[in-house]
């Protein structure tokens, strides 16, 4: 068994080569972001939803119905019936 060498370990000081520091907050001065391009047209969505609620006799809507019906192209012309009518939607963005 003389051909086996004993395992030697490297010193711990050789393992830590990176310096760890605390996280710092990035400066936001000079970088004012314009969010108008990515903000949905809330006024149009709410008005579409109000028109649909009038057509549906102000019955309570689920969240998914509110989202879908607010994106209708012509909310006055559609009387949505679950499982029977197709909806023409105009979603804002796909990003």
N, C-alpha and C. Protein backbone atom coordinates (compact mmCIF):
# COMPACT_ATOMS: atom_id res chain seq x y z
N UNK A 1 0.81 -1.19 0.00
CA UNK A 1 0.00 0.00 0.00
C UNK A 1 0.86 1.26 0.00
N UNK A 2 2.06 1.11 -0.30
CA UNK A 2 2.94 2.28 -0.31
C UNK A 2 2.73 3.15 -1.54
N UNK A 3 2.02 2.65 -2.54
CA UNK A 3 1.81 3.45 -3.75
C UNK A 3 0.68 4.47 -3.59
N UNK A 4 -0.15 4.40 -2.53
CA UNK A 4 -1.20 5.37 -2.27
C UNK A 4 -0.64 6.54 -1.47
N UNK A 5 -0.92 7.74 -1.96
CA UNK A 5 -0.45 8.94 -1.25
C UNK A 5 -1.57 9.44 -0.34
N UNK A 6 -1.23 9.96 0.77
CA UNK A 6 -2.26 10.53 1.64
C UNK A 6 -2.85 11.79 1.01
N UNK A 7 -4.16 11.99 1.23
CA UNK A 7 -4.82 13.17 0.70
C UNK A 7 -4.38 14.41 1.45
N UNK A 8 -4.03 15.42 0.71
CA UNK A 8 -3.67 16.69 1.35
C UNK A 8 -4.72 17.72 0.98
N UNK A 9 -5.05 18.56 1.89
CA UNK A 9 -6.06 19.59 1.66
C UNK A 9 -5.38 20.93 1.45
N UNK A 10 -6.00 21.71 0.58
CA UNK A 10 -5.47 23.06 0.37
C UNK A 10 -5.94 23.95 1.51
N UNK A 11 -5.15 24.92 1.86
CA UNK A 11 -5.55 25.81 2.96
C UNK A 11 -6.82 26.59 2.61
N UNK A 12 -7.60 26.88 3.62
CA UNK A 12 -8.87 27.57 3.42
C UNK A 12 -8.65 28.97 2.85
N UNK A 13 -7.56 29.59 3.12
CA UNK A 13 -7.31 30.94 2.62
C UNK A 13 -7.22 30.97 1.09
N UNK A 14 -6.89 29.90 0.46
CA UNK A 14 -6.80 29.86 -1.00
C UNK A 14 -8.19 29.74 -1.63
N UNK A 15 -9.18 29.27 -0.91
CA UNK A 15 -10.53 29.11 -1.45
C UNK A 15 -11.23 30.46 -1.60
N UNK A 16 -11.06 31.35 -0.65
CA UNK A 16 -11.78 32.62 -0.65
C UNK A 16 -10.99 33.66 -1.43
N UNK A 17 -11.25 33.73 -2.70
CA UNK A 17 -10.56 34.71 -3.53
C UNK A 17 -11.44 35.90 -3.86
N UNK A 18 -12.75 35.82 -3.62
CA UNK A 18 -13.63 36.94 -3.90
C UNK A 18 -13.92 37.71 -2.63
N UNK A 19 -14.16 38.97 -2.79
CA UNK A 19 -14.48 39.84 -1.66
C UNK A 19 -15.98 40.04 -1.62
N UNK A 20 -16.60 39.76 -0.51
CA UNK A 20 -18.04 39.90 -0.37
C UNK A 20 -18.36 41.24 0.29
N UNK A 21 -19.35 41.94 -0.29
CA UNK A 21 -19.77 43.22 0.27
C UNK A 21 -21.29 43.25 0.34
N UNK A 22 -21.83 44.23 1.02
CA UNK A 22 -23.27 44.39 1.15
C UNK A 22 -23.84 45.00 -0.12
N UNK A 23 -25.11 44.73 -0.38
CA UNK A 23 -25.78 45.30 -1.55
C UNK A 23 -26.02 46.79 -1.32
N UNK A 24 -25.95 47.56 -2.38
CA UNK A 24 -26.20 49.00 -2.29
C UNK A 24 -27.32 49.37 -3.25
N UNK A 25 -28.00 50.46 -2.93
CA UNK A 25 -29.11 50.92 -3.76
C UNK A 25 -28.56 51.68 -4.96
N UNK A 26 -29.13 51.41 -6.12
CA UNK A 26 -28.70 52.09 -7.34
C UNK A 26 -29.24 53.51 -7.36
N UNK A 27 -28.50 54.41 -7.91
CA UNK A 27 -28.91 55.80 -8.01
C UNK A 27 -29.98 55.95 -9.08
N UNK A 28 -31.06 56.67 -8.78
CA UNK A 28 -32.12 56.86 -9.76
C UNK A 28 -32.14 58.27 -10.32
N UNK A 29 -31.18 59.09 -9.98
CA UNK A 29 -31.17 60.45 -10.50
C UNK A 29 -30.79 60.44 -11.96
N UNK A 30 -31.50 61.22 -12.75
CA UNK A 30 -31.21 61.32 -14.17
C UNK A 30 -31.87 60.24 -15.00
N UNK A 31 -32.45 59.24 -14.39
CA UNK A 31 -33.07 58.14 -15.14
C UNK A 31 -34.56 58.10 -14.85
N UNK A 32 -35.30 59.12 -15.26
CA UNK A 32 -36.74 59.14 -15.07
C UNK A 32 -37.36 58.39 -16.23
N UNK A 33 -38.15 57.40 -15.91
CA UNK A 33 -38.68 56.50 -16.92
C UNK A 33 -40.06 56.96 -17.39
N UNK A 34 -40.26 56.98 -18.70
CA UNK A 34 -41.54 57.33 -19.28
C UNK A 34 -42.36 56.06 -19.45
N UNK A 35 -43.45 55.93 -18.70
CA UNK A 35 -44.25 54.71 -18.70
C UNK A 35 -45.52 54.84 -19.52
N UNK A 36 -45.67 55.90 -20.28
CA UNK A 36 -46.91 56.09 -21.04
C UNK A 36 -47.05 55.04 -22.14
N UNK A 37 -45.97 54.52 -22.66
CA UNK A 37 -46.04 53.53 -23.73
C UNK A 37 -46.55 52.19 -23.23
N UNK A 38 -46.27 51.86 -21.98
CA UNK A 38 -46.64 50.55 -21.46
C UNK A 38 -47.86 50.59 -20.54
N UNK A 39 -48.41 51.77 -20.28
CA UNK A 39 -49.58 51.89 -19.41
C UNK A 39 -50.85 51.61 -20.22
N UNK A 40 -51.71 50.72 -19.76
CA UNK A 40 -52.95 50.42 -20.50
C UNK A 40 -53.90 51.61 -20.49
N UNK A 41 -54.77 51.73 -21.49
CA UNK A 41 -55.75 52.82 -21.52
C UNK A 41 -56.91 52.53 -20.56
N UNK A 42 -56.71 52.84 -19.29
CA UNK A 42 -57.69 52.48 -18.26
C UNK A 42 -59.05 53.11 -18.50
N UNK A 43 -59.09 54.35 -18.97
CA UNK A 43 -60.38 55.03 -19.18
C UNK A 43 -61.22 54.29 -20.21
N UNK A 44 -60.60 53.85 -21.30
CA UNK A 44 -61.32 53.11 -22.34
C UNK A 44 -61.79 51.76 -21.82
N UNK A 45 -60.95 51.08 -21.05
CA UNK A 45 -61.31 49.76 -20.53
C UNK A 45 -62.50 49.86 -19.57
N UNK A 46 -62.49 50.88 -18.73
CA UNK A 46 -63.59 51.06 -17.77
C UNK A 46 -64.88 51.42 -18.49
N UNK A 47 -64.78 52.29 -19.51
CA UNK A 47 -66.00 52.65 -20.25
C UNK A 47 -66.58 51.45 -21.00
N UNK A 48 -65.72 50.62 -21.58
CA UNK A 48 -66.20 49.39 -22.23
C UNK A 48 -66.90 48.48 -21.23
N UNK A 49 -66.32 48.35 -20.06
CA UNK A 49 -66.91 47.49 -19.04
C UNK A 49 -68.26 48.01 -18.57
N UNK A 50 -68.41 49.32 -18.45
CA UNK A 50 -69.70 49.90 -18.06
C UNK A 50 -70.77 49.65 -19.12
N UNK A 51 -70.39 49.74 -20.39
CA UNK A 51 -71.34 49.47 -21.48
C UNK A 51 -71.80 48.01 -21.46
N UNK A 52 -70.87 47.11 -21.23
CA UNK A 52 -71.22 45.69 -21.18
C UNK A 52 -72.11 45.39 -19.98
N UNK A 53 -71.84 46.02 -18.85
CA UNK A 53 -72.67 45.79 -17.67
C UNK A 53 -74.11 46.26 -17.91
N UNK A 54 -74.27 47.36 -18.67
CA UNK A 54 -75.62 47.82 -19.00
C UNK A 54 -76.34 46.81 -19.88
N UNK A 55 -75.60 46.21 -20.83
CA UNK A 55 -76.20 45.21 -21.72
C UNK A 55 -76.60 43.97 -20.93
N UNK A 56 -75.81 43.62 -19.92
CA UNK A 56 -76.06 42.41 -19.12
C UNK A 56 -76.92 42.68 -17.88
N UNK A 57 -77.61 43.82 -17.84
CA UNK A 57 -78.51 44.18 -16.74
C UNK A 57 -77.79 44.24 -15.39
N UNK A 58 -76.57 44.72 -15.38
CA UNK A 58 -75.78 44.95 -14.15
C UNK A 58 -75.61 43.71 -13.28
N UNK A 59 -75.53 42.55 -13.91
CA UNK A 59 -75.28 41.35 -13.11
C UNK A 59 -73.81 41.32 -12.68
N UNK A 60 -73.50 40.69 -11.56
CA UNK A 60 -72.10 40.62 -11.11
C UNK A 60 -71.25 39.83 -12.11
N UNK A 61 -70.02 40.30 -12.34
CA UNK A 61 -69.12 39.65 -13.28
C UNK A 61 -67.91 39.09 -12.53
N UNK A 62 -67.39 38.00 -13.06
CA UNK A 62 -66.15 37.44 -12.49
C UNK A 62 -64.98 38.28 -13.00
N UNK A 63 -63.82 38.08 -12.40
CA UNK A 63 -62.64 38.83 -12.81
C UNK A 63 -62.28 38.54 -14.26
N UNK A 64 -62.35 37.28 -14.67
CA UNK A 64 -62.02 36.94 -16.05
C UNK A 64 -63.01 37.57 -17.03
N UNK A 65 -64.30 37.63 -16.67
CA UNK A 65 -65.28 38.29 -17.52
C UNK A 65 -65.00 39.79 -17.63
N UNK A 66 -64.62 40.40 -16.53
CA UNK A 66 -64.29 41.83 -16.56
C UNK A 66 -63.11 42.10 -17.49
N UNK A 67 -62.10 41.25 -17.41
CA UNK A 67 -60.92 41.43 -18.26
C UNK A 67 -61.28 41.24 -19.73
N UNK A 68 -62.01 40.18 -20.04
CA UNK A 68 -62.39 39.91 -21.43
C UNK A 68 -63.34 40.97 -21.97
N UNK A 69 -64.38 41.29 -21.24
CA UNK A 69 -65.38 42.23 -21.74
C UNK A 69 -64.83 43.65 -21.86
N UNK A 70 -63.85 44.02 -21.07
CA UNK A 70 -63.28 45.36 -21.19
C UNK A 70 -62.45 45.51 -22.46
N UNK A 71 -62.05 44.39 -23.08
CA UNK A 71 -61.27 44.44 -24.32
C UNK A 71 -62.11 44.20 -25.58
N UNK A 72 -63.42 44.27 -25.47
CA UNK A 72 -64.29 44.11 -26.64
C UNK A 72 -64.11 45.27 -27.61
N UNK A 73 -64.20 44.98 -28.92
CA UNK A 73 -64.07 46.06 -29.91
C UNK A 73 -65.33 46.92 -29.96
N UNK A 74 -66.51 46.30 -29.98
CA UNK A 74 -67.78 47.03 -29.99
C UNK A 74 -68.66 46.50 -28.87
N UNK A 75 -68.53 47.04 -27.67
CA UNK A 75 -69.28 46.48 -26.54
C UNK A 75 -70.79 46.72 -26.64
N UNK A 76 -71.24 47.72 -27.43
CA UNK A 76 -72.68 47.98 -27.53
C UNK A 76 -73.38 46.94 -28.40
N UNK A 77 -72.66 46.39 -29.36
CA UNK A 77 -73.29 45.49 -30.33
C UNK A 77 -73.31 44.03 -29.89
N UNK A 78 -72.61 43.69 -28.84
CA UNK A 78 -72.45 42.29 -28.46
C UNK A 78 -73.31 41.98 -27.24
N UNK A 79 -74.02 40.87 -27.32
CA UNK A 79 -74.70 40.32 -26.16
C UNK A 79 -74.04 38.98 -25.88
N UNK A 80 -73.03 38.97 -25.00
CA UNK A 80 -72.28 37.73 -24.77
C UNK A 80 -73.10 36.67 -24.05
N UNK A 81 -73.08 35.47 -24.61
CA UNK A 81 -73.72 34.32 -24.00
C UNK A 81 -72.65 33.25 -23.87
N UNK A 82 -72.47 32.74 -22.65
CA UNK A 82 -71.43 31.74 -22.41
C UNK A 82 -71.62 30.51 -23.28
N UNK A 83 -70.54 30.15 -23.99
CA UNK A 83 -70.55 28.94 -24.80
C UNK A 83 -71.28 29.04 -26.13
N UNK A 84 -71.85 30.21 -26.45
CA UNK A 84 -72.62 30.32 -27.69
C UNK A 84 -72.13 31.42 -28.62
N UNK A 85 -71.70 32.55 -28.11
CA UNK A 85 -71.29 33.66 -28.97
C UNK A 85 -69.77 33.81 -28.98
N UNK A 86 -69.27 34.31 -30.10
CA UNK A 86 -67.85 34.62 -30.23
C UNK A 86 -67.65 36.09 -29.93
N UNK A 87 -66.51 36.41 -29.33
CA UNK A 87 -66.21 37.79 -28.97
C UNK A 87 -65.10 38.32 -29.85
N UNK A 88 -65.27 39.56 -30.33
CA UNK A 88 -64.21 40.23 -31.08
C UNK A 88 -63.45 41.10 -30.08
N UNK A 89 -62.23 40.68 -29.77
CA UNK A 89 -61.42 41.37 -28.76
C UNK A 89 -60.30 42.15 -29.43
N UNK A 90 -59.90 43.22 -28.78
CA UNK A 90 -58.74 43.98 -29.24
C UNK A 90 -57.80 44.20 -28.06
N UNK A 91 -56.96 43.21 -27.77
CA UNK A 91 -56.03 43.35 -26.65
C UNK A 91 -55.00 44.43 -26.96
N UNK A 92 -54.53 45.08 -25.90
CA UNK A 92 -53.61 46.20 -26.08
C UNK A 92 -52.23 45.81 -26.54
N UNK A 93 -51.54 45.04 -25.74
CA UNK A 93 -50.15 44.71 -26.05
C UNK A 93 -49.89 43.24 -25.76
N UNK A 94 -48.89 42.70 -26.42
CA UNK A 94 -48.50 41.31 -26.21
C UNK A 94 -47.12 41.21 -25.58
N UNK A 95 -46.62 42.28 -25.02
CA UNK A 95 -45.25 42.28 -24.49
C UNK A 95 -45.15 41.56 -23.18
